[in-house]
Amino acid sequence: MDADKKALLAEAVNELIEASDAQAMFKTLTGVHDVAMKGFPVRMTGRSAVLNPLLEMMLEDPERADRVMELIDRKRRERDLDVLVAPGFDRPKYMRELMADKRARLRRLVNLWNQLRPAKDAIKGTVRMEFERTHAERWYSVRLEREEDLRSAKGSRLTNEERTEIIRKLWADVDAELDALEDHVQAELRRPGTARGVAFSFKVNPKKGNA
């Protein structure tokens, strides 16, 4: 890392240690990082633009970024300030596990759905990709709606713990939906092939939009 980049990173670190709005800036940073992890070329803007060097490090070298965050929290503790990252929270690991869990649920959904279709009509290739994208977007829309509902009820931003709880509850609901689909599939498979259908009502849908 050249001298200019080191200076910019040091400025970002100092902001998260000393700024009165460091916690709000860190929440903005984690939100932009979530979007960047999905492949979108996003950057911090306005007041938070100073944190772009840290955002780049989080994307390019997560382990080093974690060490920097440990330094920031240690310095904040020395000043009797609240830490920014929950103790023991491994964000890169959390994101990997989150994406792996979502892919596993999508595979389960596709496998169950294909059991209701003739083998020659199994969804695969680009059709499968579109099917998975549609259902992933459905789940994500529900998450955003639940976050907005809670934010409106509170009248303030959500904490990391509140967002995590919303995600946990969403996946529990998705798993329950997949369990119901599996029961539906088993019932259909006991029927004669000519009498089988694919009618199934998905329950995890946003209230505002297509159900």
N, C-alpha and C. Protein backbone atom coordinates (compact mmCIF):
# COMPACT_ATOMS: atom_id res chain seq x y z
N MET A 1 0.84 -1.19 0.00
CA MET A 1 0.00 0.00 0.00
C MET A 1 0.88 1.25 0.00
N ASP A 2 0.63 2.16 -0.97
CA ASP A 2 1.46 3.35 -1.06
C ASP A 2 1.10 4.35 0.03
N ALA A 3 1.92 5.40 0.12
CA ALA A 3 1.77 6.37 1.21
C ALA A 3 0.42 7.08 1.16
N ASP A 4 -0.05 7.41 -0.05
CA ASP A 4 -1.33 8.11 -0.17
C ASP A 4 -2.48 7.25 0.33
N LYS A 5 -2.47 5.97 -0.04
CA LYS A 5 -3.54 5.07 0.40
C LYS A 5 -3.48 4.86 1.91
N LYS A 6 -2.26 4.78 2.45
CA LYS A 6 -2.13 4.63 3.90
C LYS A 6 -2.70 5.83 4.63
N ALA A 7 -2.45 7.01 4.08
CA ALA A 7 -2.95 8.24 4.71
C ALA A 7 -4.48 8.28 4.67
N LEU A 8 -5.07 7.86 3.55
CA LEU A 8 -6.52 7.86 3.43
C LEU A 8 -7.14 6.83 4.35
N LEU A 9 -6.49 5.65 4.47
CA LEU A 9 -7.00 4.63 5.39
C LEU A 9 -6.91 5.12 6.83
N ALA A 10 -5.81 5.78 7.17
CA ALA A 10 -5.64 6.31 8.53
C ALA A 10 -6.74 7.32 8.84
N GLU A 11 -7.11 8.13 7.85
CA GLU A 11 -8.18 9.11 8.05
C GLU A 11 -9.50 8.40 8.32
N ALA A 12 -9.76 7.31 7.58
CA ALA A 12 -10.99 6.54 7.78
C ALA A 12 -11.01 5.94 9.18
N VAL A 13 -9.88 5.39 9.59
CA VAL A 13 -9.79 4.79 10.92
C VAL A 13 -10.03 5.84 12.00
N ASN A 14 -9.42 6.99 11.86
CA ASN A 14 -9.58 8.05 12.86
C ASN A 14 -11.03 8.51 12.95
N GLU A 15 -11.72 8.57 11.82
CA GLU A 15 -13.13 8.97 11.84
C GLU A 15 -13.96 7.99 12.67
N LEU A 16 -13.70 6.69 12.50
CA LEU A 16 -14.48 5.70 13.23
C LEU A 16 -14.09 5.62 14.71
N ILE A 17 -12.94 6.17 15.04
CA ILE A 17 -12.52 6.21 16.45
C ILE A 17 -13.03 7.47 17.14
N GLU A 18 -12.93 8.60 16.45
CA GLU A 18 -13.12 9.88 17.11
C GLU A 18 -14.42 10.62 16.77
N ALA A 19 -15.01 10.36 15.61
CA ALA A 19 -16.17 11.13 15.18
C ALA A 19 -17.38 10.88 16.08
N SER A 20 -18.14 11.91 16.35
CA SER A 20 -19.32 11.77 17.20
C SER A 20 -20.40 10.91 16.53
N ASP A 21 -20.39 10.87 15.19
CA ASP A 21 -21.38 10.07 14.46
C ASP A 21 -20.77 8.78 13.91
N ALA A 22 -19.74 8.27 14.57
CA ALA A 22 -19.03 7.08 14.08
C ALA A 22 -19.94 5.88 13.95
N GLN A 23 -20.84 5.69 14.92
CA GLN A 23 -21.72 4.53 14.87
C GLN A 23 -22.65 4.59 13.66
N ALA A 24 -23.20 5.78 13.37
CA ALA A 24 -24.07 5.95 12.20
C ALA A 24 -23.26 5.73 10.91
N MET A 25 -22.03 6.23 10.89
CA MET A 25 -21.19 6.04 9.70
C MET A 25 -20.86 4.57 9.49
N PHE A 26 -20.61 3.86 10.59
CA PHE A 26 -20.30 2.44 10.48
C PHE A 26 -21.50 1.66 9.96
N LYS A 27 -22.70 2.02 10.39
CA LYS A 27 -23.91 1.35 9.88
C LYS A 27 -24.06 1.60 8.39
N THR A 28 -23.76 2.82 7.95
CA THR A 28 -23.79 3.11 6.52
C THR A 28 -22.76 2.27 5.78
N LEU A 29 -21.58 2.15 6.35
CA LEU A 29 -20.52 1.35 5.75
C LEU A 29 -20.95 -0.10 5.58
N THR A 30 -21.53 -0.69 6.62
CA THR A 30 -21.93 -2.09 6.52
C THR A 30 -23.06 -2.27 5.51
N GLY A 31 -23.94 -1.28 5.40
CA GLY A 31 -25.02 -1.36 4.42
C GLY A 31 -24.49 -1.32 3.00
N VAL A 32 -23.55 -0.42 2.73
CA VAL A 32 -22.96 -0.33 1.40
C VAL A 32 -22.14 -1.59 1.10
N HIS A 33 -21.47 -2.12 2.12
CA HIS A 33 -20.70 -3.35 1.94
C HIS A 33 -21.62 -4.50 1.55
N ASP A 34 -22.80 -4.59 2.16
CA ASP A 34 -23.76 -5.64 1.80
C ASP A 34 -24.13 -5.56 0.33
N VAL A 35 -24.36 -4.35 -0.16
CA VAL A 35 -24.71 -4.16 -1.57
C VAL A 35 -23.52 -4.52 -2.47
N ALA A 36 -22.32 -4.10 -2.09
CA ALA A 36 -21.12 -4.40 -2.88
C ALA A 36 -20.86 -5.89 -2.96
N MET A 37 -21.19 -6.63 -1.88
CA MET A 37 -20.99 -8.07 -1.87
C MET A 37 -21.87 -8.79 -2.90
N LYS A 38 -22.90 -8.11 -3.36
CA LYS A 38 -23.79 -8.69 -4.38
C LYS A 38 -23.31 -8.37 -5.79
N GLY A 39 -22.17 -7.69 -5.89
CA GLY A 39 -21.59 -7.43 -7.19
C GLY A 39 -21.87 -6.06 -7.77
N PHE A 40 -22.50 -5.19 -6.99
CA PHE A 40 -22.79 -3.85 -7.49
C PHE A 40 -21.61 -2.91 -7.21
N PRO A 41 -21.22 -2.08 -8.19
CA PRO A 41 -20.06 -1.18 -8.02
C PRO A 41 -20.45 0.08 -7.25
N VAL A 42 -20.61 -0.04 -5.96
CA VAL A 42 -21.06 1.09 -5.15
C VAL A 42 -19.89 1.72 -4.40
N ARG A 43 -20.09 2.99 -4.02
CA ARG A 43 -19.10 3.73 -3.24
C ARG A 43 -19.83 4.53 -2.18
N MET A 44 -19.11 4.88 -1.11
CA MET A 44 -19.67 5.77 -0.10
C MET A 44 -19.66 7.19 -0.65
N THR A 45 -20.66 7.97 -0.27
CA THR A 45 -20.74 9.36 -0.74
C THR A 45 -20.98 10.29 0.44
N GLY A 46 -20.87 11.59 0.16
CA GLY A 46 -21.14 12.59 1.18
C GLY A 46 -20.22 12.47 2.38
N ARG A 47 -20.80 12.63 3.55
CA ARG A 47 -20.04 12.59 4.80
C ARG A 47 -19.28 11.28 4.97
N SER A 48 -19.86 10.18 4.46
CA SER A 48 -19.26 8.85 4.66
C SER A 48 -18.20 8.50 3.63
N ALA A 49 -17.97 9.36 2.65
CA ALA A 49 -17.00 9.06 1.59
C ALA A 49 -15.60 8.81 2.15
N VAL A 50 -15.31 9.38 3.32
CA VAL A 50 -14.00 9.21 3.93
C VAL A 50 -13.73 7.74 4.25
N LEU A 51 -14.79 6.92 4.33
CA LEU A 51 -14.62 5.51 4.68
C LEU A 51 -14.39 4.61 3.47
N ASN A 52 -14.34 5.18 2.26
CA ASN A 52 -14.15 4.34 1.07
C ASN A 52 -12.88 3.49 1.12
N PRO A 53 -11.75 3.97 1.65
CA PRO A 53 -10.57 3.10 1.73
C PRO A 53 -10.82 1.86 2.58
N LEU A 54 -11.61 2.00 3.64
CA LEU A 54 -11.92 0.85 4.47
C LEU A 54 -12.90 -0.08 3.75
N LEU A 55 -13.85 0.48 3.01
CA LEU A 55 -14.76 -0.34 2.22
C LEU A 55 -13.98 -1.18 1.21
N GLU A 56 -13.03 -0.58 0.54
CA GLU A 56 -12.22 -1.31 -0.43
C GLU A 56 -11.46 -2.45 0.24
N MET A 57 -10.91 -2.19 1.42
CA MET A 57 -10.18 -3.23 2.13
C MET A 57 -11.12 -4.37 2.54
N MET A 58 -12.33 -4.04 2.98
CA MET A 58 -13.30 -5.07 3.37
C MET A 58 -13.62 -6.00 2.21
N LEU A 59 -13.62 -5.44 0.99
CA LEU A 59 -13.94 -6.23 -0.20
C LEU A 59 -12.73 -7.01 -0.71
N GLU A 60 -11.55 -6.41 -0.61
CA GLU A 60 -10.35 -7.01 -1.20
C GLU A 60 -9.58 -7.88 -0.22
N ASP A 61 -9.59 -7.52 1.03
CA ASP A 61 -8.79 -8.25 2.04
C ASP A 61 -9.56 -8.28 3.36
N PRO A 62 -10.63 -9.11 3.44
CA PRO A 62 -11.49 -9.13 4.63
C PRO A 62 -10.74 -9.39 5.93
N GLU A 63 -9.74 -10.26 5.89
CA GLU A 63 -9.01 -10.57 7.12
C GLU A 63 -8.26 -9.34 7.64
N ARG A 64 -7.63 -8.61 6.75
CA ARG A 64 -6.93 -7.39 7.17
C ARG A 64 -7.93 -6.35 7.66
N ALA A 65 -9.08 -6.25 6.98
CA ALA A 65 -10.11 -5.30 7.41
C ALA A 65 -10.60 -5.63 8.81
N ASP A 66 -10.73 -6.92 9.12
CA ASP A 66 -11.15 -7.32 10.46
C ASP A 66 -10.13 -6.87 11.51
N ARG A 67 -8.85 -6.98 11.16
CA ARG A 67 -7.81 -6.54 12.10
C ARG A 67 -7.88 -5.03 12.32
N VAL A 68 -8.18 -4.30 11.25
CA VAL A 68 -8.32 -2.85 11.38
C VAL A 68 -9.52 -2.52 12.27
N MET A 69 -10.63 -3.26 12.10
CA MET A 69 -11.80 -3.01 12.94
C MET A 69 -11.51 -3.36 14.39
N GLU A 70 -10.72 -4.39 14.62
CA GLU A 70 -10.32 -4.72 16.00
C GLU A 70 -9.53 -3.57 16.61
N LEU A 71 -8.64 -2.96 15.81
CA LEU A 71 -7.87 -1.80 16.27
C LEU A 71 -8.80 -0.64 16.61
N ILE A 72 -9.75 -0.38 15.74
CA ILE A 72 -10.70 0.72 15.96
C ILE A 72 -11.47 0.50 17.26
N ASP A 73 -11.97 -0.70 17.46
CA ASP A 73 -12.75 -0.98 18.67
C ASP A 73 -11.88 -0.92 19.92
N ARG A 74 -10.63 -1.35 19.81
CA ARG A 74 -9.73 -1.25 20.96
C ARG A 74 -9.50 0.21 21.35
N LYS A 75 -9.29 1.05 20.35
CA LYS A 75 -9.10 2.48 20.61
C LYS A 75 -10.36 3.12 21.18
N ARG A 76 -11.53 2.66 20.72
CA ARG A 76 -12.79 3.20 21.23
C ARG A 76 -12.99 2.79 22.70
N ARG A 77 -12.64 1.54 23.02
CA ARG A 77 -12.75 1.10 24.42
C ARG A 77 -11.84 1.92 25.32
N GLU A 78 -10.66 2.25 24.82
CA GLU A 78 -9.74 3.05 25.61
C GLU A 78 -10.31 4.44 25.92
N ARG A 79 -11.23 4.87 25.07
CA ARG A 79 -11.88 6.18 25.27
C ARG A 79 -13.25 6.04 25.93
N ASP A 80 -13.54 4.83 26.43
CA ASP A 80 -14.84 4.54 27.06
C ASP A 80 -16.00 4.76 26.10
N LEU A 81 -15.79 4.41 24.83
CA LEU A 81 -16.83 4.50 23.81
C LEU A 81 -17.31 3.10 23.46
N ASP A 82 -18.55 3.00 23.00
CA ASP A 82 -19.09 1.71 22.58
C ASP A 82 -18.32 1.20 21.37
N VAL A 83 -18.13 -0.13 21.32
CA VAL A 83 -17.47 -0.72 20.17
C VAL A 83 -18.43 -0.70 18.99
N LEU A 84 -17.88 -0.79 17.78
CA LEU A 84 -18.70 -0.76 16.57
C LEU A 84 -19.09 -2.15 16.12
N VAL A 85 -18.23 -3.12 16.35
CA VAL A 85 -18.48 -4.49 15.92
C VAL A 85 -18.76 -5.35 17.14
N ALA A 86 -19.82 -6.15 17.08
CA ALA A 86 -20.14 -7.02 18.20
C ALA A 86 -18.99 -7.97 18.47
N PRO A 87 -18.62 -8.21 19.75
CA PRO A 87 -17.52 -9.11 20.07
C PRO A 87 -17.69 -10.49 19.44
N GLY A 88 -16.65 -10.97 18.79
CA GLY A 88 -16.68 -12.31 18.21
C GLY A 88 -17.40 -12.39 16.88
N PHE A 89 -17.89 -11.26 16.35
CA PHE A 89 -18.62 -11.29 15.09
C PHE A 89 -17.65 -11.34 13.92
N ASP A 90 -17.74 -12.39 13.14
CA ASP A 90 -16.88 -12.59 11.97
C ASP A 90 -17.73 -12.29 10.74
N ARG A 91 -17.70 -11.05 10.27
CA ARG A 91 -18.58 -10.65 9.17
C ARG A 91 -18.33 -11.42 7.88
N PRO A 92 -17.07 -11.59 7.42
CA PRO A 92 -16.86 -12.36 6.18
C PRO A 92 -17.43 -13.78 6.29
N LYS A 93 -17.20 -14.43 7.43
CA LYS A 93 -17.74 -15.77 7.62
C LYS A 93 -19.26 -15.74 7.61
N TYR A 94 -19.83 -14.73 8.27
CA TYR A 94 -21.29 -14.60 8.30
C TYR A 94 -21.86 -14.46 6.89
N MET A 95 -21.21 -13.64 6.05
CA MET A 95 -21.70 -13.44 4.69
C MET A 95 -21.57 -14.71 3.87
N ARG A 96 -20.47 -15.44 4.04
CA ARG A 96 -20.30 -16.70 3.30
C ARG A 96 -21.38 -17.69 3.70
N GLU A 97 -21.64 -17.79 4.99
CA GLU A 97 -22.65 -18.72 5.47
C GLU A 97 -24.05 -18.31 5.01
N LEU A 98 -24.31 -17.00 5.02
CA LEU A 98 -25.61 -16.51 4.59
C LEU A 98 -25.86 -16.87 3.13
N MET A 99 -24.87 -16.65 2.26
CA MET A 99 -25.03 -16.96 0.85
C MET A 99 -25.13 -18.47 0.62
N ALA A 100 -24.37 -19.26 1.37
CA ALA A 100 -24.43 -20.71 1.23
C ALA A 100 -25.80 -21.23 1.65
N ASP A 101 -26.36 -20.68 2.73
CA ASP A 101 -27.68 -21.10 3.18
C ASP A 101 -28.75 -20.75 2.15
N LYS A 102 -28.63 -19.57 1.54
CA LYS A 102 -29.62 -19.18 0.53
C LYS A 102 -29.54 -20.12 -0.68
N ARG A 103 -28.32 -20.43 -1.13
CA ARG A 103 -28.17 -21.33 -2.27
C ARG A 103 -28.73 -22.71 -1.96
N ALA A 104 -28.52 -23.18 -0.72
CA ALA A 104 -29.04 -24.49 -0.34
C ALA A 104 -30.57 -24.51 -0.38
N ARG A 105 -31.19 -23.43 0.07
CA ARG A 105 -32.65 -23.36 0.05
C ARG A 105 -33.17 -23.30 -1.39
N LEU A 106 -32.47 -22.57 -2.24
CA LEU A 106 -32.88 -22.50 -3.64
C LEU A 106 -32.73 -23.86 -4.32
N ARG A 107 -31.68 -24.60 -4.01
CA ARG A 107 -31.52 -25.95 -4.58
C ARG A 107 -32.65 -26.85 -4.12
N ARG A 108 -33.00 -26.76 -2.84
CA ARG A 108 -34.09 -27.57 -2.33
C ARG A 108 -35.39 -27.23 -3.04
N LEU A 109 -35.65 -25.95 -3.23
CA LEU A 109 -36.85 -25.50 -3.91
C LEU A 109 -36.91 -26.06 -5.33
N VAL A 110 -35.81 -25.94 -6.08
CA VAL A 110 -35.78 -26.43 -7.45
C VAL A 110 -35.98 -27.94 -7.49
N ASN A 111 -35.31 -28.66 -6.61
CA ASN A 111 -35.42 -30.12 -6.60
C ASN A 111 -36.85 -30.56 -6.31
N LEU A 112 -37.50 -29.90 -5.37
CA LEU A 112 -38.89 -30.24 -5.06
C LEU A 112 -39.80 -29.89 -6.23
N TRP A 113 -39.60 -28.73 -6.81
CA TRP A 113 -40.45 -28.29 -7.91
C TRP A 113 -40.33 -29.23 -9.11
N ASN A 114 -39.12 -29.71 -9.39
CA ASN A 114 -38.92 -30.59 -10.53
C ASN A 114 -39.58 -31.95 -10.32
N GLN A 115 -39.78 -32.34 -9.06
CA GLN A 115 -40.47 -33.61 -8.82
C GLN A 115 -41.93 -33.57 -9.25
N LEU A 116 -42.48 -32.37 -9.39
CA LEU A 116 -43.86 -32.23 -9.83
C LEU A 116 -43.98 -32.16 -11.35
N ARG A 117 -42.87 -32.16 -12.05
CA ARG A 117 -42.87 -31.99 -13.50
C ARG A 117 -42.35 -33.24 -14.19
N PRO A 118 -42.80 -33.52 -15.40
CA PRO A 118 -42.23 -34.63 -16.16
C PRO A 118 -40.73 -34.40 -16.34
N ALA A 119 -39.96 -35.47 -16.36
CA ALA A 119 -38.51 -35.34 -16.45
C ALA A 119 -38.09 -34.49 -17.65
N LYS A 120 -38.80 -34.62 -18.77
CA LYS A 120 -38.44 -33.87 -19.97
C LYS A 120 -38.71 -32.37 -19.83
N ASP A 121 -39.54 -32.02 -18.85
CA ASP A 121 -39.88 -30.60 -18.63
C ASP A 121 -39.23 -30.03 -17.37
N ALA A 122 -38.23 -30.71 -16.83
CA ALA A 122 -37.56 -30.22 -15.63
C ALA A 122 -36.94 -28.85 -15.92
N ILE A 123 -37.06 -27.94 -14.94
CA ILE A 123 -36.47 -26.62 -15.14
C ILE A 123 -34.95 -26.74 -14.94
N LYS A 124 -34.21 -26.21 -15.87
CA LYS A 124 -32.76 -26.27 -15.81
C LYS A 124 -32.18 -25.15 -16.67
N GLY A 125 -30.87 -24.99 -16.61
CA GLY A 125 -30.21 -23.97 -17.40
C GLY A 125 -30.70 -22.58 -17.06
N THR A 126 -30.94 -21.76 -18.11
CA THR A 126 -31.36 -20.38 -17.89
C THR A 126 -32.74 -20.30 -17.25
N VAL A 127 -33.60 -21.29 -17.52
CA VAL A 127 -34.92 -21.30 -16.91
C VAL A 127 -34.79 -21.49 -15.40
N ARG A 128 -33.90 -22.39 -15.00
CA ARG A 128 -33.66 -22.61 -13.58
C ARG A 128 -33.09 -21.34 -12.93
N MET A 129 -32.15 -20.68 -13.62
CA MET A 129 -31.56 -19.46 -13.07
C MET A 129 -32.63 -18.39 -12.86
N GLU A 130 -33.55 -18.25 -13.81
CA GLU A 130 -34.61 -17.26 -13.68
C GLU A 130 -35.58 -17.63 -12.55
N PHE A 131 -35.88 -18.93 -12.42
CA PHE A 131 -36.73 -19.43 -11.35
C PHE A 131 -36.11 -19.10 -9.98
N GLU A 132 -34.82 -19.39 -9.84
CA GLU A 132 -34.13 -19.10 -8.59
C GLU A 132 -34.08 -17.61 -8.32
N ARG A 133 -33.82 -16.81 -9.35
CA ARG A 133 -33.74 -15.36 -9.16
C ARG A 133 -35.09 -14.80 -8.70
N THR A 134 -36.18 -15.30 -9.29
CA THR A 134 -37.51 -14.82 -8.92
C THR A 134 -37.81 -15.09 -7.45
N HIS A 135 -37.47 -16.29 -7.00
CA HIS A 135 -37.78 -16.64 -5.61
C HIS A 135 -36.81 -15.96 -4.63
N ALA A 136 -35.55 -15.78 -5.02
CA ALA A 136 -34.61 -15.06 -4.17
C ALA A 136 -35.06 -13.61 -4.01
N GLU A 137 -35.56 -13.01 -5.09
CA GLU A 137 -36.06 -11.64 -5.02
C GLU A 137 -37.32 -11.57 -4.15
N ARG A 138 -38.15 -12.60 -4.22
CA ARG A 138 -39.36 -12.65 -3.37
C ARG A 138 -38.97 -12.63 -1.90
N TRP A 139 -38.00 -13.46 -1.53
CA TRP A 139 -37.55 -13.51 -0.13
C TRP A 139 -36.94 -12.18 0.27
N TYR A 140 -36.12 -11.60 -0.63
CA TYR A 140 -35.45 -10.34 -0.30
C TYR A 140 -36.46 -9.20 -0.14
N SER A 141 -37.51 -9.21 -0.96
CA SER A 141 -38.55 -8.19 -0.85
C SER A 141 -39.25 -8.27 0.49
N VAL A 142 -39.49 -9.49 0.96
CA VAL A 142 -40.12 -9.68 2.27
C VAL A 142 -39.21 -9.14 3.37
N ARG A 143 -37.92 -9.41 3.25
CA ARG A 143 -36.97 -8.91 4.25
C ARG A 143 -37.00 -7.38 4.30
N LEU A 144 -36.93 -6.74 3.12
CA LEU A 144 -36.94 -5.28 3.08
C LEU A 144 -38.24 -4.72 3.65
N GLU A 145 -39.35 -5.36 3.35
CA GLU A 145 -40.63 -4.89 3.86
C GLU A 145 -40.70 -5.01 5.37
N ARG A 146 -40.20 -6.11 5.90
CA ARG A 146 -40.22 -6.29 7.36
C ARG A 146 -39.30 -5.28 8.04
N GLU A 147 -38.16 -4.99 7.42
CA GLU A 147 -37.27 -3.97 7.99
C GLU A 147 -37.96 -2.61 7.99
N GLU A 148 -38.63 -2.28 6.90
CA GLU A 148 -39.30 -0.99 6.80
C GLU A 148 -40.45 -0.89 7.81
N ASP A 149 -41.19 -2.00 7.98
CA ASP A 149 -42.30 -2.00 8.95
C ASP A 149 -41.78 -1.73 10.36
N LEU A 150 -40.68 -2.39 10.72
CA LEU A 150 -40.13 -2.20 12.07
C LEU A 150 -39.54 -0.80 12.21
N ARG A 151 -38.87 -0.32 11.16
CA ARG A 151 -38.30 1.03 11.20
C ARG A 151 -39.40 2.07 11.40
N SER A 152 -40.52 1.88 10.70
CA SER A 152 -41.64 2.83 10.84
C SER A 152 -42.25 2.76 12.23
N ALA A 153 -42.36 1.55 12.76
CA ALA A 153 -42.94 1.38 14.10
C ALA A 153 -42.05 2.01 15.17
N LYS A 154 -40.72 1.88 15.00
CA LYS A 154 -39.77 2.44 15.97
C LYS A 154 -39.60 3.94 15.81
N GLY A 155 -39.66 4.38 14.56
CA GLY A 155 -39.37 5.78 14.29
C GLY A 155 -37.88 6.07 14.29
N SER A 156 -37.06 5.03 14.12
CA SER A 156 -35.61 5.21 14.10
C SER A 156 -34.97 4.06 13.33
N ARG A 157 -33.66 4.17 13.10
CA ARG A 157 -32.94 3.13 12.37
C ARG A 157 -32.92 1.82 13.15
N LEU A 158 -32.75 0.74 12.41
CA LEU A 158 -32.67 -0.57 13.06
C LEU A 158 -31.25 -0.84 13.54
N THR A 159 -31.14 -1.59 14.61
CA THR A 159 -29.83 -2.03 15.08
C THR A 159 -29.40 -3.26 14.29
N ASN A 160 -28.13 -3.60 14.36
CA ASN A 160 -27.66 -4.82 13.71
C ASN A 160 -28.38 -6.04 14.27
N GLU A 161 -28.65 -6.03 15.58
CA GLU A 161 -29.34 -7.16 16.21
C GLU A 161 -30.76 -7.30 15.66
N GLU A 162 -31.43 -6.17 15.44
CA GLU A 162 -32.80 -6.22 14.91
C GLU A 162 -32.80 -6.73 13.47
N ARG A 163 -31.83 -6.30 12.66
CA ARG A 163 -31.75 -6.81 11.29
C ARG A 163 -31.47 -8.31 11.29
N THR A 164 -30.56 -8.73 12.16
CA THR A 164 -30.23 -10.16 12.23
C THR A 164 -31.44 -10.99 12.62
N GLU A 165 -32.24 -10.49 13.56
CA GLU A 165 -33.44 -11.20 13.98
C GLU A 165 -34.46 -11.29 12.85
N ILE A 166 -34.59 -10.23 12.06
CA ILE A 166 -35.50 -10.26 10.92
C ILE A 166 -35.06 -11.32 9.92
N ILE A 167 -33.76 -11.38 9.66
CA ILE A 167 -33.24 -12.39 8.72
C ILE A 167 -33.46 -13.79 9.27
N ARG A 168 -33.21 -13.98 10.57
CA ARG A 168 -33.41 -15.30 11.18
C ARG A 168 -34.87 -15.75 11.05
N LYS A 169 -35.79 -14.84 11.34
CA LYS A 169 -37.21 -15.17 11.25
C LYS A 169 -37.63 -15.42 9.80
N LEU A 170 -37.06 -14.66 8.88
CA LEU A 170 -37.39 -14.87 7.47
C LEU A 170 -36.99 -16.27 7.03
N TRP A 171 -35.75 -16.69 7.37
CA TRP A 171 -35.31 -18.01 6.95
C TRP A 171 -36.14 -19.11 7.62
N ALA A 172 -36.58 -18.87 8.84
CA ALA A 172 -37.45 -19.84 9.50
C ALA A 172 -38.76 -19.97 8.72
N ASP A 173 -39.29 -18.84 8.25
CA ASP A 173 -40.52 -18.87 7.47
C ASP A 173 -40.31 -19.53 6.11
N VAL A 174 -39.16 -19.27 5.48
CA VAL A 174 -38.85 -19.91 4.20
C VAL A 174 -38.73 -21.42 4.39
N ASP A 175 -38.05 -21.84 5.46
CA ASP A 175 -37.92 -23.28 5.72
C ASP A 175 -39.28 -23.92 5.94
N ALA A 176 -40.17 -23.22 6.65
CA ALA A 176 -41.52 -23.75 6.86
C ALA A 176 -42.26 -23.87 5.53
N GLU A 177 -42.06 -22.89 4.66
CA GLU A 177 -42.67 -22.93 3.34
C GLU A 177 -42.15 -24.11 2.53
N LEU A 178 -40.83 -24.35 2.59
CA LEU A 178 -40.24 -25.47 1.87
C LEU A 178 -40.72 -26.80 2.44
N ASP A 179 -40.89 -26.87 3.75
CA ASP A 179 -41.44 -28.09 4.37
C ASP A 179 -42.85 -28.35 3.84
N ALA A 180 -43.66 -27.28 3.74
CA ALA A 180 -45.02 -27.41 3.23
C ALA A 180 -45.01 -27.85 1.76
N LEU A 181 -44.07 -27.31 0.98
CA LEU A 181 -43.94 -27.72 -0.41
C LEU A 181 -43.56 -29.19 -0.50
N GLU A 182 -42.66 -29.64 0.37
CA GLU A 182 -42.28 -31.05 0.36
C GLU A 182 -43.47 -31.95 0.68
N ASP A 183 -44.30 -31.55 1.66
CA ASP A 183 -45.51 -32.32 1.97
C ASP A 183 -46.43 -32.35 0.75
N HIS A 184 -46.55 -31.21 0.06
CA HIS A 184 -47.39 -31.13 -1.13
C HIS A 184 -46.85 -32.07 -2.22
N VAL A 185 -45.52 -32.07 -2.41
CA VAL A 185 -44.91 -32.93 -3.42
C VAL A 185 -45.18 -34.39 -3.11
N GLN A 186 -45.01 -34.79 -1.85
CA GLN A 186 -45.23 -36.19 -1.48
C GLN A 186 -46.68 -36.59 -1.73
N ALA A 187 -47.61 -35.70 -1.44
CA ALA A 187 -49.03 -36.00 -1.69
C ALA A 187 -49.29 -36.14 -3.18
N GLU A 188 -48.67 -35.26 -3.98
CA GLU A 188 -48.86 -35.32 -5.43
C GLU A 188 -48.26 -36.58 -6.02
N LEU A 189 -47.12 -37.01 -5.50
CA LEU A 189 -46.46 -38.20 -6.04
C LEU A 189 -47.26 -39.47 -5.77
N ARG A 190 -48.15 -39.42 -4.80
CA ARG A 190 -49.00 -40.59 -4.53
C ARG A 190 -50.21 -40.64 -5.46
N ARG A 191 -50.41 -39.57 -6.24
CA ARG A 191 -51.50 -39.54 -7.19
C ARG A 191 -51.04 -40.09 -8.54
N PRO A 192 -51.96 -40.56 -9.39
CA PRO A 192 -51.56 -41.00 -10.73
C PRO A 192 -50.88 -39.87 -11.49
N GLY A 193 -49.92 -40.21 -12.33
CA GLY A 193 -49.16 -39.20 -13.03
C GLY A 193 -50.01 -38.21 -13.80
N THR A 194 -51.07 -38.69 -14.40
CA THR A 194 -51.91 -37.81 -15.21
C THR A 194 -52.72 -36.83 -14.36
N ALA A 195 -52.81 -37.11 -13.04
CA ALA A 195 -53.61 -36.25 -12.17
C ALA A 195 -52.76 -35.27 -11.37
N ARG A 196 -51.46 -35.32 -11.58
CA ARG A 196 -50.58 -34.44 -10.80
C ARG A 196 -50.59 -33.02 -11.34
N GLY A 197 -50.37 -32.09 -10.44
CA GLY A 197 -50.28 -30.69 -10.83
C GLY A 197 -49.14 -30.03 -10.10
N VAL A 198 -48.94 -28.74 -10.33
CA VAL A 198 -47.88 -28.01 -9.64
C VAL A 198 -48.47 -26.90 -8.78
N ALA A 199 -49.78 -26.90 -8.61
CA ALA A 199 -50.42 -25.84 -7.84
C ALA A 199 -49.92 -25.85 -6.40
N PHE A 200 -49.31 -24.75 -5.98
CA PHE A 200 -48.84 -24.61 -4.62
C PHE A 200 -48.82 -23.13 -4.30
N SER A 201 -49.34 -22.76 -3.15
CA SER A 201 -49.42 -21.36 -2.76
C SER A 201 -48.23 -21.00 -1.88
N PHE A 202 -47.34 -20.16 -2.40
CA PHE A 202 -46.20 -19.70 -1.62
C PHE A 202 -46.67 -18.65 -0.62
N LYS A 203 -46.28 -18.83 0.63
CA LYS A 203 -46.79 -17.97 1.70
C LYS A 203 -45.87 -16.78 2.03
N VAL A 204 -44.57 -16.91 1.75
CA VAL A 204 -43.62 -15.85 2.09
C VAL A 204 -43.61 -14.83 0.95
N ASN A 205 -44.57 -13.93 0.99
CA ASN A 205 -44.72 -12.92 -0.05
C ASN A 205 -44.81 -11.54 0.57
N PRO A 206 -44.28 -10.53 -0.12
CA PRO A 206 -44.44 -9.16 0.39
C PRO A 206 -45.90 -8.74 0.33
N LYS A 207 -46.33 -7.95 1.28
CA LYS A 207 -47.71 -7.46 1.30
C LYS A 207 -47.92 -6.40 0.22
N LYS A 208 -46.87 -5.63 -0.03
CA LYS A 208 -46.97 -4.55 -1.01
C LYS A 208 -46.36 -5.01 -2.32
N GLY A 209 -47.15 -5.52 -3.19
CA GLY A 209 -46.62 -6.02 -4.45
C GLY A 209 -47.32 -7.31 -4.83
N ASN A 210 -46.71 -8.01 -5.74
CA ASN A 210 -47.32 -9.25 -6.22
C ASN A 210 -47.21 -10.35 -5.19
N ALA A 211 -48.30 -11.01 -4.89
CA ALA A 211 -48.31 -12.13 -3.95
C ALA A 211 -48.29 -13.44 -4.69
